[in-house]
Amino acid sequence: MRKILLLILTVLCMLLIVPMAQSQVGTAPLRAVVDRDFLVGSIHLPAGEYKFSFNTETSRMYITNARTGESVSVFTRDIIDHSGPPDNKLVFAQDGKDMVLHQVWSEQAGHVHDIVHGTEIKELQ
């Protein structure tokens, strides 16, 4: 009887824990080399190799410098298009003298992650 109860509790825990863990993972991280300094919101990032990872439950994107390990996070909006992005791509726009990251297209996720900026950054038209 004790073994059956333990087995049932184990199965119930697995049914609860696995979906929660999967929802935190989101899609596979993207890697990209950015050849010049850029802004994400008001945060300045140097040129280099970056990993872009996503948490779809909290609408956050994490940008990690592959060399230094330094990381920033920003809020994103998902832009859903039934055809989905054809590939992985970073979308920048010039704002004065600064290059600003606006979107990350994710083929794996099947949609575009649009970065939520403050009023200091002009949005894409």
Protein backbone atom coordinates (compact mmCIF):
# COMPACT_ATOMS: atom_id res chain seq x y z
CA MET A 1 0.00 0.00 0.00
CA ARG A 2 2.83 2.36 0.89
CA LYS A 3 4.61 1.65 -2.40
CA ILE A 4 1.46 2.40 -4.41
CA LEU A 5 0.93 5.69 -2.56
CA LEU A 6 4.57 6.66 -3.15
CA LEU A 7 4.24 5.78 -6.84
CA ILE A 8 1.07 7.89 -7.19
CA LEU A 9 2.72 10.86 -5.46
CA THR A 10 5.79 10.54 -7.69
CA VAL A 11 3.67 10.50 -10.86
CA LEU A 12 1.63 13.50 -9.66
CA CYS A 13 4.81 15.45 -8.90
CA MET A 14 6.19 14.66 -12.35
CA LEU A 15 2.95 15.79 -13.97
CA LEU A 16 3.23 19.13 -12.17
CA ILE A 17 6.98 19.75 -12.34
CA VAL A 18 7.75 18.84 -15.96
CA PRO A 19 5.32 21.36 -17.55
CA MET A 20 6.54 24.11 -15.22
CA ALA A 21 10.16 23.41 -16.14
CA GLN A 22 9.37 23.31 -19.85
CA SER A 23 7.54 26.65 -19.74
CA GLN A 24 10.61 28.30 -18.21
CA VAL A 25 12.90 27.06 -20.94
CA GLY A 26 11.01 28.53 -23.91
CA THR A 27 12.82 28.14 -27.20
CA ALA A 28 16.43 27.31 -27.87
CA PRO A 29 18.77 30.30 -27.41
CA LEU A 30 20.04 32.12 -30.49
CA ARG A 31 23.68 33.07 -30.98
CA ALA A 32 24.80 36.02 -33.06
CA VAL A 33 27.89 38.12 -33.60
CA VAL A 34 27.15 41.85 -33.51
CA ASP A 35 29.92 43.76 -35.28
CA ARG A 36 29.39 47.15 -33.60
CA ASP A 37 28.32 48.60 -30.27
CA PHE A 38 24.55 48.81 -29.80
CA LEU A 39 21.79 49.81 -27.41
CA VAL A 40 19.02 47.71 -25.92
CA GLY A 41 16.70 50.30 -24.44
CA SER A 42 19.10 52.61 -22.61
CA ILE A 43 21.70 49.87 -22.01
CA HIS A 44 24.92 50.11 -24.04
CA LEU A 45 26.43 46.79 -25.16
CA PRO A 46 29.81 46.41 -26.89
CA ALA A 47 30.29 44.59 -30.18
CA GLY A 48 30.80 40.85 -29.76
CA GLU A 49 29.15 37.44 -29.69
CA TYR A 50 25.85 37.24 -27.83
CA LYS A 51 23.39 34.58 -26.76
CA PHE A 52 19.70 35.54 -26.87
CA SER A 53 17.42 33.40 -24.70
CA PHE A 54 13.72 33.80 -23.98
CA ASN A 55 11.25 33.14 -21.20
CA THR A 56 7.84 33.17 -22.84
CA GLU A 57 5.97 33.04 -19.53
CA THR A 58 7.42 36.34 -18.31
CA SER A 59 7.89 37.94 -21.77
CA ARG A 60 11.57 38.50 -21.05
CA MET A 61 14.57 38.20 -23.31
CA TYR A 62 18.03 37.65 -21.83
CA ILE A 63 21.04 38.91 -23.77
CA THR A 64 24.35 37.43 -22.61
CA ASN A 65 27.81 38.43 -23.81
CA ALA A 66 29.53 35.14 -24.72
CA ARG A 67 33.00 36.42 -23.80
CA THR A 68 32.31 38.15 -20.47
CA GLY A 69 29.14 36.34 -19.35
CA GLU A 70 27.50 39.70 -18.54
CA SER A 71 23.76 39.61 -19.08
CA VAL A 72 20.86 42.04 -19.40
CA SER A 73 17.16 41.34 -19.67
CA VAL A 74 14.37 43.25 -21.37
CA PHE A 75 10.63 42.89 -21.82
CA THR A 76 9.40 41.81 -25.24
CA ARG A 77 6.12 41.56 -27.11
CA ASP A 78 5.56 38.59 -29.37
CA ILE A 79 4.57 39.44 -32.92
CA ILE A 80 2.76 36.42 -34.29
CA ASP A 81 2.62 35.93 -38.04
CA HIS A 82 1.17 32.68 -39.34
CA SER A 83 4.00 32.27 -41.82
CA GLY A 84 6.58 32.85 -39.05
CA PRO A 85 10.03 34.37 -39.55
CA PRO A 86 11.95 32.64 -42.36
CA ASP A 87 15.19 32.66 -40.35
CA ASN A 88 16.90 34.00 -37.24
CA LYS A 89 17.66 37.70 -37.52
CA LEU A 90 18.44 40.76 -35.40
CA VAL A 91 16.70 43.99 -36.47
CA PHE A 92 18.52 47.23 -35.67
CA ALA A 93 17.60 50.85 -36.40
CA GLN A 94 19.81 53.92 -36.35
CA ASP A 95 18.72 56.46 -33.70
CA GLY A 96 21.00 59.48 -33.97
CA LYS A 97 24.50 58.10 -33.55
CA ASP A 98 23.32 54.91 -31.83
CA MET A 99 22.39 51.52 -33.28
CA VAL A 100 19.36 50.24 -31.37
CA LEU A 101 18.23 46.61 -31.25
CA HIS A 102 14.46 46.50 -31.87
CA GLN A 103 13.57 42.91 -32.74
CA VAL A 104 14.88 39.38 -32.63
CA TRP A 105 13.37 37.07 -35.24
CA SER A 106 13.31 33.48 -34.05
CA GLU A 107 12.71 30.72 -36.55
CA GLN A 108 12.58 28.16 -33.69
CA ALA A 109 9.89 30.09 -31.79
CA GLY A 110 7.97 30.84 -34.99
CA HIS A 111 7.54 34.53 -34.16
CA VAL A 112 9.29 37.85 -33.65
CA HIS A 113 10.37 39.12 -30.21
CA ASP A 114 9.76 42.89 -30.27
CA ILE A 115 11.70 44.74 -27.56
CA VAL A 116 9.65 47.08 -25.37
CA HIS A 117 11.49 50.40 -25.20
CA GLY A 118 10.99 53.40 -22.95
CA THR A 119 10.12 56.82 -24.32
CA GLU A 120 13.81 57.57 -24.97
CA ILE A 121 13.87 55.23 -28.00
CA LYS A 122 11.81 55.78 -31.14
CA GLU A 123 9.88 52.65 -32.10
CA LEU A 124 10.07 51.05 -35.54
CA GLN A 125 7.53 52.32 -38.05
